[in-house]
Amino acid sequence: MSPYKELKRLAYEANLSLVENKLVVYTFGNASVCDRDRGVFAIKPSGVPYESLRPKDMVVIDLENRIVEGKLRPSSDTKTHLVLYQHFSKIGSVVHTHSPYAVAWAQAMKPIPILGTTHADHLPTDIPCTKKMSPKAIQGDYELETGKLIVETFKNKKLSYEEIEMVLVARHGPFTWGKTAEKAVYNSVMLEMLAKMAYLTLCIHPKVPLLEKVLIEKHFYRKHGKDAYYGQSN
């Protein structure tokens, strides 16, 4: 029996969740789950339709980009996931989709502005978008450079990957992450919803101002601050 059976199951279920939430079609997108204690992550195999996937098809990779277990070729985005695991040390799962509203913002190379309290419930700032990748990077190790671009964006903008668990890669699409697979998938669902809401709002009122700071702080910290009071206590 594989020592990674449970890790593969988690990765498999995360990938199927993308289909269930209508975030992917055909073979687009991928989800991975990391086992920090073992220093490995399981990821969807490249180009395999979701309806054909089985838990045993998941490919296990170590944090040095070596295949530990699996007969299929891993996702073409594996190196992007790898870079995020290497630099964002507290995350346990990464998701990449081609959901239409989030991709539209990424293709426009625009951050998703914080316009309302639904957005502020999830993060206290715009959803960042990376800069455009250089031709040299594109022609080099493209997927590795994509991961580096995300990390560089958070560093340059002085953003916390623990507070903002999502990003748009310019001209490409969205990546999200979380401590668990469930949270990473949840973040992808919310990112698509926020992208759609922002688009519709700007269609109605192109010059609508950003949400006031006092409302941002009220909605974000009532759910995420040390004095949060949303939901039930444990």
Protein backbone atom coordinates (compact mmCIF):
# COMPACT_ATOMS: atom_id res chain seq x y z
CA MET A 1 0.00 0.00 0.00
CA SER A 2 1.23 3.47 -0.86
CA PRO A 3 2.44 5.53 2.12
CA TYR A 4 0.92 8.53 0.34
CA LYS A 5 -2.58 7.10 -0.06
CA GLU A 6 -4.24 9.70 2.16
CA LEU A 7 -2.32 12.60 0.60
CA LYS A 8 -3.35 11.41 -2.87
CA ARG A 9 -6.96 11.14 -1.76
CA LEU A 10 -6.95 14.70 -0.50
CA ALA A 11 -5.43 15.97 -3.75
CA TYR A 12 -7.91 13.96 -5.80
CA GLU A 13 -10.89 15.34 -3.88
CA ALA A 14 -9.55 18.90 -4.16
CA ASN A 15 -9.35 18.55 -7.93
CA LEU A 16 -12.88 17.17 -8.17
CA SER A 17 -14.08 20.11 -6.06
CA LEU A 18 -12.92 22.44 -8.82
CA VAL A 19 -15.28 20.69 -11.22
CA GLU A 20 -18.15 20.68 -8.72
CA ASN A 21 -17.73 24.44 -8.25
CA LYS A 22 -17.58 25.07 -12.02
CA LEU A 23 -14.10 26.57 -11.85
CA VAL A 24 -12.57 24.33 -14.54
CA VAL A 25 -13.53 22.63 -17.80
CA TYR A 26 -12.02 19.69 -19.68
CA THR A 27 -8.41 19.31 -18.46
CA PHE A 28 -7.78 22.91 -17.36
CA GLY A 29 -6.65 23.75 -13.83
CA ASN A 30 -5.03 21.77 -11.05
CA ALA A 31 -4.90 21.40 -7.28
CA SER A 32 -2.14 20.08 -5.05
CA VAL A 33 -1.87 19.18 -1.37
CA CYS A 34 1.35 19.27 0.64
CA ASP A 35 2.52 17.03 3.49
CA ARG A 36 5.01 19.31 5.24
CA ASP A 37 6.26 16.60 7.61
CA ARG A 38 7.31 14.41 4.69
CA GLY A 39 8.34 17.29 2.44
CA VAL A 40 6.15 16.20 -0.49
CA PHE A 41 3.02 17.26 -2.31
CA ALA A 42 0.50 15.42 -4.48
CA ILE A 43 -0.75 17.04 -7.68
CA LYS A 44 -3.05 16.27 -10.59
CA PRO A 45 -1.44 14.53 -13.59
CA SER A 46 -1.10 16.60 -16.75
CA GLY A 47 -3.88 16.58 -19.34
CA VAL A 48 -6.04 13.93 -17.72
CA PRO A 49 -9.80 14.68 -17.86
CA TYR A 50 -11.36 15.08 -14.43
CA GLU A 51 -13.95 12.38 -15.11
CA SER A 52 -11.11 9.90 -15.69
CA LEU A 53 -9.13 10.76 -12.57
CA ARG A 54 -8.58 8.28 -9.77
CA PRO A 55 -6.87 8.89 -6.44
CA LYS A 56 -3.97 6.63 -7.43
CA ASP A 57 -3.32 8.82 -10.49
CA MET A 58 -2.09 11.71 -8.34
CA VAL A 59 1.65 12.30 -8.66
CA VAL A 60 3.74 12.81 -5.52
CA ILE A 61 6.63 15.29 -5.81
CA ASP A 62 9.20 16.26 -3.21
CA LEU A 63 10.23 19.87 -2.53
CA GLU A 64 13.30 19.39 -4.71
CA ASN A 65 11.02 18.65 -7.70
CA ARG A 66 11.70 14.91 -7.80
CA ILE A 67 8.90 12.45 -8.49
CA VAL A 68 8.49 10.28 -5.41
CA GLU A 69 5.52 8.25 -6.58
CA GLY A 70 3.36 8.11 -9.68
CA LYS A 71 3.40 6.72 -13.20
CA LEU A 72 1.89 9.73 -14.96
CA ARG A 73 3.47 13.04 -15.88
CA PRO A 74 2.56 15.68 -13.26
CA SER A 75 0.72 18.89 -14.08
CA SER A 76 2.57 21.33 -16.30
CA ASP A 77 2.11 23.88 -13.48
CA THR A 78 3.95 21.71 -10.94
CA LYS A 79 6.95 24.03 -10.66
CA THR A 80 4.68 26.98 -9.88
CA HIS A 81 3.13 25.01 -7.01
CA LEU A 82 6.63 23.99 -5.92
CA VAL A 83 7.89 27.58 -5.69
CA LEU A 84 4.87 28.59 -3.62
CA TYR A 85 5.42 25.71 -1.20
CA GLN A 86 9.10 26.62 -0.94
CA HIS A 87 8.50 30.30 -0.19
CA PHE A 88 5.11 30.34 1.54
CA SER A 89 6.05 27.99 4.34
CA LYS A 90 2.69 27.83 6.11
CA ILE A 91 0.48 26.83 3.19
CA GLY A 92 -0.73 23.27 2.70
CA SER A 93 -2.50 23.42 -0.65
CA VAL A 94 -2.38 25.33 -3.95
CA VAL A 95 -5.10 25.67 -6.59
CA HIS A 96 -4.93 27.04 -10.13
CA THR A 97 -8.03 27.50 -12.27
CA HIS A 98 -9.11 29.19 -15.47
CA SER A 99 -12.38 30.52 -14.05
CA PRO A 100 -13.69 33.14 -16.50
CA TYR A 101 -14.14 36.29 -14.42
CA ALA A 102 -10.83 35.90 -12.59
CA VAL A 103 -9.06 35.15 -15.88
CA ALA A 104 -10.65 38.24 -17.46
CA TRP A 105 -9.11 40.46 -14.76
CA ALA A 106 -5.76 38.68 -15.17
CA GLN A 107 -5.85 39.12 -18.94
CA ALA A 108 -6.59 42.80 -18.43
CA MET A 109 -3.60 42.88 -16.03
CA LYS A 110 -5.72 44.59 -13.38
CA PRO A 111 -5.98 43.93 -9.64
CA ILE A 112 -9.53 43.31 -8.46
CA PRO A 113 -10.49 46.43 -6.48
CA ILE A 114 -12.08 46.24 -3.08
CA LEU A 115 -15.50 47.77 -3.73
CA GLY A 116 -17.79 46.25 -1.13
CA THR A 117 -18.15 44.44 2.15
CA THR A 118 -18.30 40.96 0.58
CA HIS A 119 -14.74 41.52 -0.61
CA ALA A 120 -13.73 42.96 2.78
CA ASP A 121 -15.13 39.89 4.54
CA HIS A 122 -12.36 37.86 2.89
CA LEU A 123 -9.37 40.18 2.53
CA PRO A 124 -8.58 43.78 3.43
CA THR A 125 -7.13 44.92 0.12
CA ASP A 126 -7.38 44.60 -3.63
CA ILE A 127 -6.68 41.15 -5.04
CA PRO A 128 -3.18 41.66 -6.45
CA CYS A 129 -2.13 41.09 -10.03
CA THR A 130 1.47 40.38 -10.97
CA LYS A 131 3.35 42.39 -13.54
CA LYS A 132 3.69 41.03 -17.05
CA MET A 133 6.34 38.35 -17.38
CA SER A 134 9.44 39.27 -19.38
CA PRO A 135 10.15 37.53 -22.71
CA LYS A 136 13.34 36.10 -21.20
CA ALA A 137 11.41 34.50 -18.35
CA ILE A 138 8.77 33.16 -20.73
CA GLN A 139 11.42 31.55 -22.90
CA GLY A 140 13.21 30.14 -19.86
CA ASP A 141 11.72 27.89 -17.19
CA TYR A 142 8.24 29.35 -17.62
CA GLU A 143 6.35 27.59 -14.81
CA LEU A 144 9.19 28.17 -12.34
CA GLU A 145 9.27 31.84 -13.33
CA THR A 146 5.50 32.05 -12.79
CA GLY A 147 5.98 30.98 -9.18
CA LYS A 148 8.82 33.44 -8.73
CA LEU A 149 6.66 36.22 -10.16
CA ILE A 150 3.96 35.53 -7.57
CA VAL A 151 6.48 35.51 -4.72
CA GLU A 152 8.10 38.70 -6.04
CA THR A 153 4.70 40.42 -6.24
CA PHE A 154 3.98 39.73 -2.58
CA LYS A 155 7.47 40.84 -1.57
CA ASN A 156 7.44 44.06 -3.60
CA LYS A 157 3.94 45.03 -2.52
CA LYS A 158 4.69 44.04 1.09
CA LEU A 159 1.69 41.73 1.19
CA SER A 160 1.15 38.84 3.58
CA TYR A 161 0.51 35.50 1.87
CA GLU A 162 -1.24 34.37 5.07
CA GLU A 163 -3.71 37.26 4.92
CA ILE A 164 -4.14 37.42 1.13
CA GLU A 165 -4.41 33.85 -0.10
CA MET A 166 -4.95 34.62 -3.78
CA VAL A 167 -3.33 36.32 -6.75
CA LEU A 168 -3.84 36.94 -10.45
CA VAL A 169 -0.94 36.18 -12.77
CA ALA A 170 -1.02 38.77 -15.54
CA ARG A 171 -2.10 37.39 -18.92
CA HIS A 172 -2.60 33.97 -17.31
CA GLY A 173 -5.06 33.43 -14.48
CA PRO A 174 -5.67 32.95 -10.76
CA PHE A 175 -3.77 30.99 -8.13
CA THR A 176 -5.03 30.50 -4.58
CA TRP A 177 -3.70 28.69 -1.53
CA GLY A 178 -4.52 27.87 2.05
CA LYS A 179 -3.47 25.80 5.04
CA THR A 180 -5.79 23.03 3.86
CA ALA A 181 -7.13 21.85 0.52
CA GLU A 182 -10.63 22.87 1.57
CA LYS A 183 -9.45 26.44 2.23
CA ALA A 184 -7.51 26.68 -1.04
CA VAL A 185 -10.57 25.55 -3.02
CA TYR A 186 -12.80 27.89 -1.00
CA ASN A 187 -10.47 30.76 -1.87
CA SER A 188 -10.75 29.92 -5.57
CA VAL A 189 -14.54 29.96 -5.34
CA MET A 190 -14.49 33.29 -3.52
CA LEU A 191 -11.95 34.80 -5.92
CA GLU A 192 -14.20 34.00 -8.88
CA MET A 193 -17.22 35.46 -7.09
CA LEU A 194 -15.37 38.66 -6.14
CA ALA A 195 -14.05 39.01 -9.70
CA LYS A 196 -17.60 38.75 -11.04
CA MET A 197 -19.03 41.18 -8.48
CA ALA A 198 -16.33 43.76 -9.21
CA TYR A 199 -16.89 43.44 -12.96
CA LEU A 200 -20.66 43.90 -12.64
CA THR A 201 -20.25 46.84 -10.24
CA LEU A 202 -17.93 48.65 -12.64
CA CYS A 203 -20.32 47.99 -15.51
CA ILE A 204 -23.07 49.75 -13.52
CA HIS A 205 -20.87 52.51 -12.09
CA PRO A 206 -17.43 52.77 -13.79
CA LYS A 207 -16.23 55.46 -11.38
CA VAL A 208 -17.41 53.90 -8.13
CA PRO A 209 -14.92 54.66 -5.32
CA LEU A 210 -13.10 52.01 -3.35
CA LEU A 211 -14.66 50.85 -0.11
CA GLU A 212 -14.03 53.14 2.85
CA LYS A 213 -11.24 52.07 5.20
CA VAL A 214 -13.56 52.00 8.22
CA LEU A 215 -15.85 49.48 6.48
CA ILE A 216 -12.92 47.39 5.28
CA GLU A 217 -11.52 47.10 8.78
CA LYS A 218 -14.92 46.41 10.38
CA HIS A 219 -15.77 43.57 8.00
CA PHE A 220 -12.33 42.00 7.80
CA TYR A 221 -11.44 42.06 11.46
CA ARG A 222 -14.82 40.95 12.74
CA LYS A 223 -14.04 37.67 10.96
CA HIS A 224 -10.25 37.51 11.11
CA GLY A 225 -8.95 39.69 13.92
CA LYS A 226 -7.96 38.62 17.42
CA ASP A 227 -11.31 39.97 18.62
CA ALA A 228 -13.31 38.35 15.80
CA TYR A 229 -16.92 37.68 16.68
CA TYR A 230 -18.29 36.19 13.45
CA GLY A 231 -19.47 32.58 13.68
CA GLN A 232 -19.37 30.26 16.68
CA SER A 233 -16.58 29.93 19.21
CA ASN A 234 -14.86 26.56 19.41
